[in-house]
Every structure is written in C-alpha cells, then in structure tokens.
Protein backbone atom coordinates (compact mmCIF):
# COMPACT_ATOMS: atom_id res chain seq x y z
CA UNK A 1 -0.01 -0.09 -0.17
CA UNK A 2 1.34 3.56 -0.75
CA UNK A 3 2.85 5.48 1.80
CA UNK A 4 2.93 9.26 2.49
CA UNK A 5 6.18 11.25 3.63
CA UNK A 6 7.07 14.81 4.13
CA UNK A 7 9.94 16.04 2.18
CA UNK A 8 12.49 15.92 4.87
CA UNK A 9 11.19 12.27 5.75
CA UNK A 10 11.72 11.56 1.97
CA UNK A 11 15.10 12.43 2.00
CA UNK A 12 15.76 10.63 5.08
CA UNK A 13 14.24 7.59 3.57
CA UNK A 14 16.55 7.88 0.38
CA UNK A 15 19.44 8.01 2.59
CA UNK A 16 18.47 5.05 4.44
CA UNK A 17 18.07 2.98 1.36
CA UNK A 18 21.61 4.37 0.25
CA UNK A 19 22.97 3.06 3.74
CA UNK A 20 21.19 -0.22 3.36
CA UNK A 21 22.82 -0.77 0.09
CA UNK A 22 26.18 -0.08 1.26
CA UNK A 23 25.63 -2.15 4.37
CA UNK A 24 25.00 -5.02 1.71
CA UNK A 25 27.80 -4.37 0.02
CA UNK A 26 29.99 -4.35 2.85
CA UNK A 27 28.73 -7.92 3.94
CA UNK A 28 29.57 -9.14 0.52
CA UNK A 29 33.06 -7.82 0.27
CA UNK A 30 33.60 -9.99 3.51
CA UNK A 31 32.45 -12.94 1.51
CA UNK A 32 34.80 -12.13 -1.07
CA UNK A 33 37.77 -11.87 1.08
CA UNK A 34 36.88 -15.39 2.41
CA UNK A 35 36.28 -16.72 -1.12
CA UNK A 36 39.50 -15.06 -2.49
CA UNK A 37 41.82 -16.59 0.36
CA UNK A 38 40.17 -20.44 0.42
CA UNK A 39 39.86 -20.33 -3.61
CA UNK A 40 43.57 -19.56 -4.17
CA UNK A 41 44.51 -22.43 -1.74
CA UNK A 42 41.96 -24.83 -3.41
CA UNK A 43 43.64 -23.87 -6.94
CA UNK A 44 47.11 -24.92 -5.66
CA UNK A 45 45.68 -28.22 -4.49
CA UNK A 46 43.86 -28.82 -7.60
CA UNK A 47 47.00 -27.77 -9.48
CA UNK A 48 49.17 -30.49 -7.49
CA UNK A 49 46.61 -33.31 -7.81
CA UNK A 50 46.42 -32.42 -11.71
CA UNK A 51 50.10 -32.77 -12.03
CA UNK A 52 49.84 -36.07 -10.40
CA UNK A 53 47.05 -37.09 -12.17
CA UNK A 54 48.66 -36.67 -15.73
CA UNK A 55 51.44 -39.31 -15.68
CA UNK A 56 49.25 -41.80 -13.83
CA UNK A 57 46.55 -41.35 -16.43
CA UNK A 58 48.84 -41.71 -19.35
CA UNK A 59 50.88 -44.70 -17.75
CA UNK A 60 47.55 -46.57 -17.57
CA UNK A 61 48.10 -49.48 -19.94
CA UNK A 62 44.51 -50.78 -19.99
CA UNK A 63 42.15 -47.85 -19.26
CA UNK A 64 38.07 -48.58 -19.43
CA UNK A 65 37.45 -48.41 -23.29
CA UNK A 66 35.02 -45.41 -22.42
CA UNK A 67 37.98 -43.61 -20.54
CA UNK A 68 40.10 -44.30 -23.63
CA UNK A 69 37.93 -43.11 -26.22
CA UNK A 70 37.19 -40.17 -24.48
CA UNK A 71 41.12 -39.37 -23.65
CA UNK A 72 42.05 -40.23 -27.24
CA UNK A 73 39.24 -37.64 -28.50
CA UNK A 74 40.61 -34.95 -26.35
CA UNK A 75 44.23 -35.68 -27.04
CA UNK A 76 43.49 -35.31 -30.99
CA UNK A 77 41.41 -31.98 -30.18
CA UNK A 78 44.45 -30.80 -28.22
CA UNK A 79 47.03 -31.68 -31.13
CA UNK A 80 44.82 -29.65 -33.51
CA UNK A 81 45.04 -26.68 -31.27
CA UNK A 82 48.95 -27.19 -30.99
CA UNK A 83 48.98 -27.45 -34.89
CA UNK A 84 47.21 -24.48 -35.26
CA UNK A 85 49.41 -22.47 -32.81
CA UNK A 86 52.42 -23.79 -34.64
CA UNK A 87 50.93 -22.33 -38.01
CA UNK A 88 50.31 -19.18 -36.57
CA UNK A 89 53.51 -18.84 -34.93
CA UNK A 90 55.31 -19.98 -38.54
CA UNK A 91 53.48 -16.94 -39.74
CA UNK A 92 54.49 -14.64 -36.92
CA UNK A 93 58.02 -15.62 -36.97
CA UNK A 94 58.03 -14.73 -40.77
CA UNK A 95 56.07 -11.25 -40.38
CA UNK A 96 58.51 -10.16 -37.46
CA UNK A 97 61.62 -11.52 -39.74
CA UNK A 98 60.09 -9.56 -42.65
CA UNK A 99 59.56 -6.47 -40.66
CA UNK A 100 63.49 -6.55 -39.16
CA UNK A 101 64.80 -6.75 -42.75
CA UNK A 102 62.50 -3.71 -43.98
CA UNK A 103 63.78 -1.67 -40.92
CA UNK A 104 67.42 -2.45 -41.60
CA UNK A 105 66.75 -1.83 -45.52
CA UNK A 106 65.23 1.40 -44.67
CA UNK A 107 68.23 2.61 -42.47
CA UNK A 108 70.53 1.71 -44.86
CA UNK A 109 68.94 3.51 -47.66
CA UNK A 110 68.78 6.48 -45.17
CA UNK A 111 72.49 6.39 -44.62
CA UNK A 112 72.97 6.01 -48.54
CA UNK A 113 71.01 9.37 -48.91
CA UNK A 114 72.75 10.80 -46.25
CA UNK A 115 76.16 10.10 -47.67
CA UNK A 116 74.65 11.41 -50.88
CA UNK A 117 73.62 14.82 -49.63
CA UNK A 118 76.84 15.09 -47.51
CA UNK A 119 79.16 16.23 -50.89
CA UNK A 120 76.38 18.25 -52.44
CA UNK A 121 75.86 20.53 -49.41
CA UNK A 122 79.46 20.59 -49.08
CA UNK A 123 79.97 21.59 -52.38
CA UNK A 124 77.20 24.40 -52.01
CA UNK A 125 78.96 25.56 -48.95
CA UNK A 126 82.29 25.89 -50.89
CA UNK A 127 80.87 27.65 -53.66
CA UNK A 128 79.07 30.18 -51.22
CA UNK A 129 82.30 30.50 -49.11
CA UNK A 130 84.01 31.32 -52.21
CA UNK A 131 81.60 34.15 -53.47
CA UNK A 132 81.41 35.76 -49.50
CA UNK A 133 85.46 35.87 -49.87
CA UNK A 134 85.44 37.52 -53.51
CA UNK A 135 82.64 40.00 -52.05
CA UNK A 136 84.71 40.83 -49.23
CA UNK A 137 87.91 41.41 -51.39
CA UNK A 138 85.88 43.75 -53.84
CA UNK A 139 84.31 45.48 -50.76
CA UNK A 140 87.66 46.08 -49.03
CA UNK A 141 89.09 47.40 -52.61
CA UNK A 142 86.29 49.63 -52.68
CA UNK A 143 86.52 51.09 -49.39
CA UNK A 144 90.26 51.83 -50.43
CA UNK A 145 88.89 53.84 -53.65
CA UNK A 146 86.58 55.55 -51.53
CA UNK A 147 88.79 56.72 -49.11
CA UNK A 148 91.06 57.80 -52.14
CA UNK A 149 88.72 59.64 -53.83
CA UNK A 150 88.25 63.46 -52.91
CA UNK A 151 85.03 64.54 -51.41
CA UNK A 152 84.58 67.57 -53.70
CA UNK A 153 86.73 67.04 -56.64
CA UNK A 154 85.34 63.58 -57.35
CA UNK A 155 81.99 63.69 -56.00
CA UNK A 156 80.07 61.71 -58.57
CA UNK A 157 82.92 59.03 -58.91
CA UNK A 158 82.77 58.71 -54.89
CA UNK A 159 78.68 58.39 -54.89
CA UNK A 160 79.00 55.43 -57.37
CA UNK A 161 81.57 53.79 -55.12
CA UNK A 162 79.47 53.98 -52.44
CA UNK A 163 76.51 52.66 -53.97
CA UNK A 164 78.47 49.60 -55.27
CA UNK A 165 80.05 49.01 -52.13
CA UNK A 166 76.85 48.90 -50.41
CA UNK A 167 75.23 46.86 -53.07
CA UNK A 168 78.07 44.40 -52.57
CA UNK A 169 77.63 44.37 -48.60
CA UNK A 170 73.80 43.36 -49.41
CA UNK A 171 75.05 40.61 -51.78
CA UNK A 172 77.63 39.79 -48.85
CA UNK A 173 74.61 39.62 -46.38
CA UNK A 174 72.78 37.55 -48.60
CA UNK A 175 75.33 34.98 -49.42
CA UNK A 176 75.94 34.37 -45.51
CA UNK A 177 72.45 34.06 -45.13
CA UNK A 178 72.31 31.36 -47.68
CA UNK A 179 75.70 29.89 -46.13
CA UNK A 180 73.88 29.67 -42.64
CA UNK A 181 70.98 28.16 -44.38
CA UNK A 182 73.13 25.49 -46.27
CA UNK A 183 74.98 24.65 -42.87
CA UNK A 184 71.46 24.72 -40.74
CA UNK A 185 70.24 22.40 -43.50
CA UNK A 186 72.93 19.72 -43.11
CA UNK A 187 72.45 19.90 -39.12
CA UNK A 188 68.57 19.39 -39.74
CA UNK A 189 69.36 16.31 -42.04
CA UNK A 190 72.03 14.68 -39.48
CA UNK A 191 69.56 15.03 -36.85
CA UNK A 192 66.38 13.53 -39.14
CA UNK A 193 68.74 10.91 -40.05
CA UNK A 194 69.89 10.41 -36.28
CA UNK A 195 66.20 10.37 -35.21
CA UNK A 196 64.96 7.83 -38.11
CA UNK A 197 68.09 5.51 -37.36
CA UNK A 198 67.24 5.23 -33.78
CA UNK A 199 63.62 4.64 -34.65
CA UNK A 200 64.48 1.78 -37.29
CA UNK A 201 67.16 -0.04 -34.89
CA UNK A 202 64.64 0.18 -32.32
CA UNK A 203 61.78 -1.45 -34.81
CA UNK A 204 64.60 -3.91 -35.85
CA UNK A 205 65.34 -4.73 -32.37
CA UNK A 206 61.86 -5.30 -31.41
CA UNK A 207 60.87 -7.21 -34.25
CA UNK A 208 64.36 -9.44 -33.83
CA UNK A 209 63.30 -10.12 -30.28
CA UNK A 210 59.77 -11.03 -30.90
CA UNK A 211 60.99 -13.37 -33.53
CA UNK A 212 63.65 -14.99 -31.65
CA UNK A 213 61.01 -15.58 -28.68
CA UNK A 214 58.20 -16.97 -31.25
CA UNK A 215 60.93 -19.24 -32.84
CA UNK A 216 61.83 -20.65 -29.62
CA UNK A 217 58.35 -21.66 -29.07
CA UNK A 218 57.90 -22.72 -32.36
CA UNK A 219 60.76 -25.01 -32.06
CA UNK A 220 59.45 -26.29 -28.87
CA UNK A 221 56.29 -27.17 -30.07
CA UNK A 222 57.36 -28.75 -33.18
CA UNK A 223 59.94 -30.83 -31.33
CA UNK A 224 57.40 -31.88 -28.50
CA UNK A 225 54.08 -32.00 -30.21
CA UNK A 226 53.26 -35.69 -29.61
CA UNK A 227 54.23 -35.36 -25.86
CA UNK A 228 52.36 -31.85 -25.31
CA UNK A 229 49.10 -33.20 -26.93
CA UNK A 230 49.09 -36.22 -24.80
CA UNK A 231 49.83 -33.89 -21.37
CA UNK A 232 47.50 -31.23 -22.46
CA UNK A 233 44.85 -34.03 -23.34
CA UNK A 234 45.35 -35.77 -20.01
CA UNK A 235 45.25 -32.29 -18.18
CA UNK A 236 42.03 -31.37 -19.87
CA UNK A 237 40.27 -34.57 -19.23
CA UNK A 238 41.10 -34.72 -15.56
CA UNK A 239 39.88 -31.02 -15.30
CA UNK A 240 36.84 -31.43 -16.87
CA UNK A 241 36.04 -35.03 -14.94
CA UNK A 242 32.89 -35.08 -13.05
CA UNK A 243 32.65 -38.73 -12.06
CA UNK A 244 35.27 -41.44 -10.91
CA UNK A 245 35.74 -43.79 -13.86
CA UNK A 246 36.24 -47.65 -12.84
CA UNK A 247 40.23 -47.90 -12.64
CA UNK A 248 42.57 -49.27 -10.28
CA UNK A 249 44.66 -47.77 -7.53
CA UNK A 250 46.49 -45.43 -7.43
CA UNK A 251 44.77 -43.77 -10.34
CA UNK A 252 41.46 -44.33 -8.80
CA UNK A 253 42.42 -42.24 -5.78
CA UNK A 254 43.84 -39.37 -7.88
CA UNK A 255 40.90 -39.22 -9.97
CA UNK A 256 38.46 -39.23 -6.79
CA UNK A 257 40.40 -36.22 -5.54
CA UNK A 258 40.25 -34.46 -9.18
CA UNK A 259 36.45 -34.97 -9.19
CA UNK A 260 36.07 -33.48 -5.68
CA UNK A 261 38.38 -30.36 -6.58
CA UNK A 262 36.84 -29.73 -9.69
CA UNK A 263 33.27 -29.61 -7.94
CA UNK A 264 34.78 -27.01 -5.31
CA UNK A 265 37.08 -25.15 -7.90
CA UNK A 266 33.87 -24.62 -9.99
CA UNK A 267 31.67 -23.63 -6.87
CA UNK A 268 34.17 -21.00 -6.06
CA UNK A 269 34.52 -19.94 -9.23
CA UNK A 270 30.99 -19.33 -9.59
CA UNK A 271 30.59 -17.64 -6.44
CA UNK A 272 33.21 -15.09 -7.23
CA UNK A 273 31.39 -14.30 -10.64
CA UNK A 274 28.17 -13.99 -8.35
CA UNK A 275 30.29 -11.59 -6.07
CA UNK A 276 31.45 -9.54 -8.65
CA UNK A 277 28.01 -9.32 -10.32
CA UNK A 278 26.43 -8.26 -6.87
CA UNK A 279 29.10 -5.93 -5.87
CA UNK A 280 28.87 -4.26 -9.36
CA UNK A 281 25.24 -3.83 -9.11
CA UNK A 282 25.12 -2.59 -5.92
CA UNK A 283 27.81 0.00 -6.23
CA UNK A 284 25.86 1.58 -9.40
CA UNK A 285 22.91 1.55 -7.21
CA UNK A 286 24.18 3.05 -4.04
CA UNK A 287 25.63 5.69 -6.69
CA UNK A 288 22.40 6.11 -8.09
CA UNK A 289 20.70 6.79 -4.51
CA UNK A 290 23.49 9.29 -3.51
CA UNK A 291 22.67 11.26 -6.79
CA UNK A 292 18.87 11.05 -6.26
CA UNK A 293 19.51 12.17 -2.47
CA UNK A 294 21.45 14.84 -3.24
CA UNK A 295 18.66 16.11 -5.78
CA UNK A 296 16.10 15.70 -3.17
CA UNK A 297 18.00 17.50 -0.47
CA UNK A 298 18.20 20.65 -2.94
CA UNK A 299 14.41 20.72 -3.21
CA UNK A 300 14.30 20.31 0.48
CA UNK A 301 16.97 23.08 1.18
CA UNK A 302 15.03 25.29 -1.48
CA UNK A 303 11.74 24.70 0.98
CA UNK A 304 13.11 25.80 3.83
CA UNK A 305 15.28 28.63 2.53
CA UNK A 306 11.75 30.29 0.92
CA UNK A 307 9.50 28.80 3.56
CA UNK A 308 7.46 27.06 0.85
CA UNK A 309 4.55 25.03 1.36
CA UNK A 310 5.47 21.70 3.05
CA UNK A 311 5.49 18.98 0.33
CA UNK A 312 4.23 15.65 0.65
CA UNK A 313 5.15 12.63 -1.72
CA UNK A 314 3.61 9.37 -2.03
CA UNK A 315 5.82 6.36 -2.06
CA UNK A 316 4.43 3.72 -4.52
CA UNK A 317 4.19 -0.06 -3.90
CA UNK A 318 7.29 -0.43 -6.24
CA UNK A 319 9.32 1.56 -4.11
CA UNK A 320 8.21 0.24 -0.67
CA UNK A 321 9.05 -3.38 -2.22
CA UNK A 322 12.53 -2.20 -3.33
CA UNK A 323 13.15 -0.77 0.46
CA UNK A 324 12.06 -4.17 1.99
CA UNK A 325 14.46 -6.10 0.20
CA UNK A 326 17.72 -4.62 1.81
CA UNK A 327 17.05 -6.14 5.32
CA UNK A 328 16.25 -9.62 3.75
CA UNK A 329 19.23 -9.38 1.66
CA UNK A 330 21.52 -8.44 3.97
CA UNK A 331 20.40 -11.44 6.28
CA UNK A 332 21.17 -13.72 3.27
CA UNK A 333 25.05 -12.70 3.37
CA UNK A 334 25.59 -11.71 6.86
CA UNK A 335 27.45 -15.04 7.91
CA UNK A 336 30.76 -14.36 5.80
CA UNK A 337 32.44 -17.39 7.50
CA UNK A 338 29.62 -19.99 6.70
CA UNK A 339 29.24 -18.68 3.16
CA UNK A 340 33.01 -18.37 2.76
CA UNK A 341 33.11 -22.08 3.22
CA UNK A 342 29.93 -22.92 1.13
CA UNK A 343 30.19 -20.98 -2.06
CA UNK A 344 27.47 -23.02 -3.82
CA UNK A 345 24.89 -21.85 -1.10
CA UNK A 346 26.05 -18.25 -1.36
CA UNK A 347 25.50 -18.50 -5.01
CA UNK A 348 22.05 -20.17 -4.59
CA UNK A 349 20.88 -17.30 -1.96
CA UNK A 350 22.07 -14.37 -4.34
CA UNK A 351 21.52 -15.18 -7.76
CA UNK A 352 17.76 -15.44 -7.41
CA UNK A 353 17.67 -11.94 -5.73
CA UNK A 354 19.70 -10.55 -8.83
CA UNK A 355 17.95 -12.01 -11.06
CA UNK A 356 14.27 -11.35 -9.85
CA UNK A 357 14.16 -8.58 -7.29
CA UNK A 358 17.18 -6.53 -8.64
CA UNK A 359 16.55 -7.15 -12.52
CA UNK A 360 17.32 -4.16 -14.67
CA UNK A 361 13.59 -3.60 -15.12
CA UNK A 362 12.76 -3.41 -11.34
CA UNK A 363 15.74 -0.93 -10.46
CA UNK A 364 14.91 1.44 -13.39
CA UNK A 365 11.30 1.40 -12.50
CA UNK A 366 12.01 1.97 -8.90
CA UNK A 367 14.18 5.12 -9.78
CA UNK A 368 11.78 6.28 -12.03
CA UNK A 369 8.75 6.02 -9.50
CA UNK A 370 10.83 7.89 -7.04
CA UNK A 371 11.58 10.61 -9.76
CA UNK A 372 7.80 10.99 -10.34
CA UNK A 373 7.20 11.26 -6.41
CA UNK A 374 9.43 14.24 -6.22
CA UNK A 375 7.98 15.89 -9.44
CA UNK A 376 4.13 15.53 -8.91
CA UNK A 377 4.88 16.92 -5.15
CA UNK A 378 6.63 20.07 -6.43
CA UNK A 379 3.82 20.77 -8.41
CA UNK A 380 2.29 22.08 -5.53
CA UNK A 381 4.50 25.00 -5.76
CA UNK A 382 3.10 25.90 -9.11
C-alpha cells in the first residue's frame, strides 16, 4: 500500500536506502575476501593433484574403453590446437623477420641518402664561401678607392663607389644567409637521419626479439608435439572430470580427488562471479541513490530557504517493495564465515535476488517512481 512522507522524511528515506545498500555491499565484500583466500588454496591443491594425475593417467596400460575413447578424442583436439598455434607462430616469425629486414633496409637507404647529400651540401657551402670571399675582397678594394677619392673633386665618382660598395655588402649578407641556411640544412638532415636511425634500429630490435621468442616457442612445440598433445589432453580430461571412472589404484584415488576438487573449484569460481556481479550492481545502485538524495536535498533546502509550502510525497508499492528487500538481502549474506566455505550456497541465495528482485527493469522502475513522486509533489508550488 502506498505511503505518504513529508519532504524531509523522504530525503531521510533515500539516505536510509543508500546506507542499506552500502551495508549489503560491505557484507558481500567480506564474503569475497573469504572466497579469495580459500580459492587460492584450492587452486594450488587442484594444480598439485592435476600434476600428479596426468602421468598416472597416461601410464595406465589398460584403461576402460569409454575412458580411453574420451581421452583419445581430447588428445586429438589438443593436438589440433597445437598445430594451429604452430601454423600461426610460423606466420608470426616470418612477419617479424620481414619487419626486421624492412627496418634494416630502410636504415641503410637513409644512410646512403645522407652520404649522397653530404658532398652536395659541401659543394654548395664551398661555392658560397668562395663568393663571400670574393665579395669581401671587392668591398675592401672599394673601401680603399672611396678613401682615396676626394670628397669635392670627385663627388660623383665617390657616390658611385659608395653605391657599389653598399650593393656588394647586401650581396655579401645574402650569401652569408645562404651559407647559414646550407649549414643548418646539414644539421637538420643529420638530426632527422639520427632520429630515423634510432627509430629503425628500435623497430629492428623489437622485431628480432619477438621473432626469436616466437621461434623458440615454435621449435619447442614442433619438437614436443606428440608429448604436449598427450599431456594437454590428459590435463584437460582431468580438469573436466565429474565422475570417477572404474580404474584401479593409485589412479582411482587421484581421480577421486580430481572430481572433488573440480567440484569445489567450480563452485568457488561461480561464487566469485556472483560476488563480482552483486558488488557491481550494488555499487551502481548506491551511487544512483546518492545522486538522487542530493537532488532531493536541494529541493528540501529550497523549501526551507524560501519558507515554501510543505511537500508531501507518495511512495509507491514499487518503491516500498524495493526498500523491503535490503534487510532480507543483508540477512542472506551476513554470515561470511559460513558462506566463505560454502560458495554454492552463497550463489543459490544471491543469484535469485539479482535475477528477479534486482533486475534491470525493477531498478529502472524504482528510480522512475522515486523521480515521479518528487516531480508530482513539487507541482504544489506551481
């Protein structure tokens, strides 16, 4: 049945929902810590038993026909995977070696171009330097002529010599500018070439290292294809084992352990997935409630600041049902020590709540209903 609250009470209600969500989040975090610690130990036990079971399984000379058939099928599938990896590695090695060759070829071409450009720039520099020297000599001669020419007796001759000297000074300045430009071009070319050489050598080193690593893996797989196919197949057979086949000891004991550890490992992995889903959902809900609370608080502050009419908001059955979930949810996840050792029970408790009472539609409808309640109430101020 719908419930009516004053605006201040409504704001406190939203804050209480946020706190309740965060409390459930904290409980599930404790369960997650329990899961992580125990799961790591179970994985170690699982890996140790798997390592023990693989050679025993492969050494069994007379396995039951059904077991032998399943094992052979899985070994063939694992061999096909390895052969696919071998083919991919061969392509990658070839590609990396080609990349290394291209980098070296480009680096060599860069150096050849630089060596070709060096004499060209040198020739330009020497030519300009010769022009500068000739101009400097001509300017000096003109300076002497100007000095020796009388100011009044040879006025026009002196003015012509001054104009010629100034013209040659300008030409000298232009040639000096060209000389600086040629020298700067060489500096720029050397820097560009050095940068390119560093880049290309880095590409060569990276491609060569990757090719070597991939080649090592390729050589290993090709040399041990049969052995690895059998080991991987046996390992996968054990990892997927759900029932103990009719075999003799000591293999039977190891397979019994594998069946139990597969079950436990699977339950913890499912529990960890449920934990991650629940924490992600609750985090988003808490943040959504926080944003909505801040919006409601602003409306409440406006009401108090301007002494506006007291607003009354109606909480729908949708919102009240959503609020009633949190005590129940917290009770389901509160005993982290018990749940930490029973991951299947945790998943059985939490997954139905996530799938039904915390579905996307229910969450969206709840926030929409809260927003509608606030919107409808503020119309009283209109």
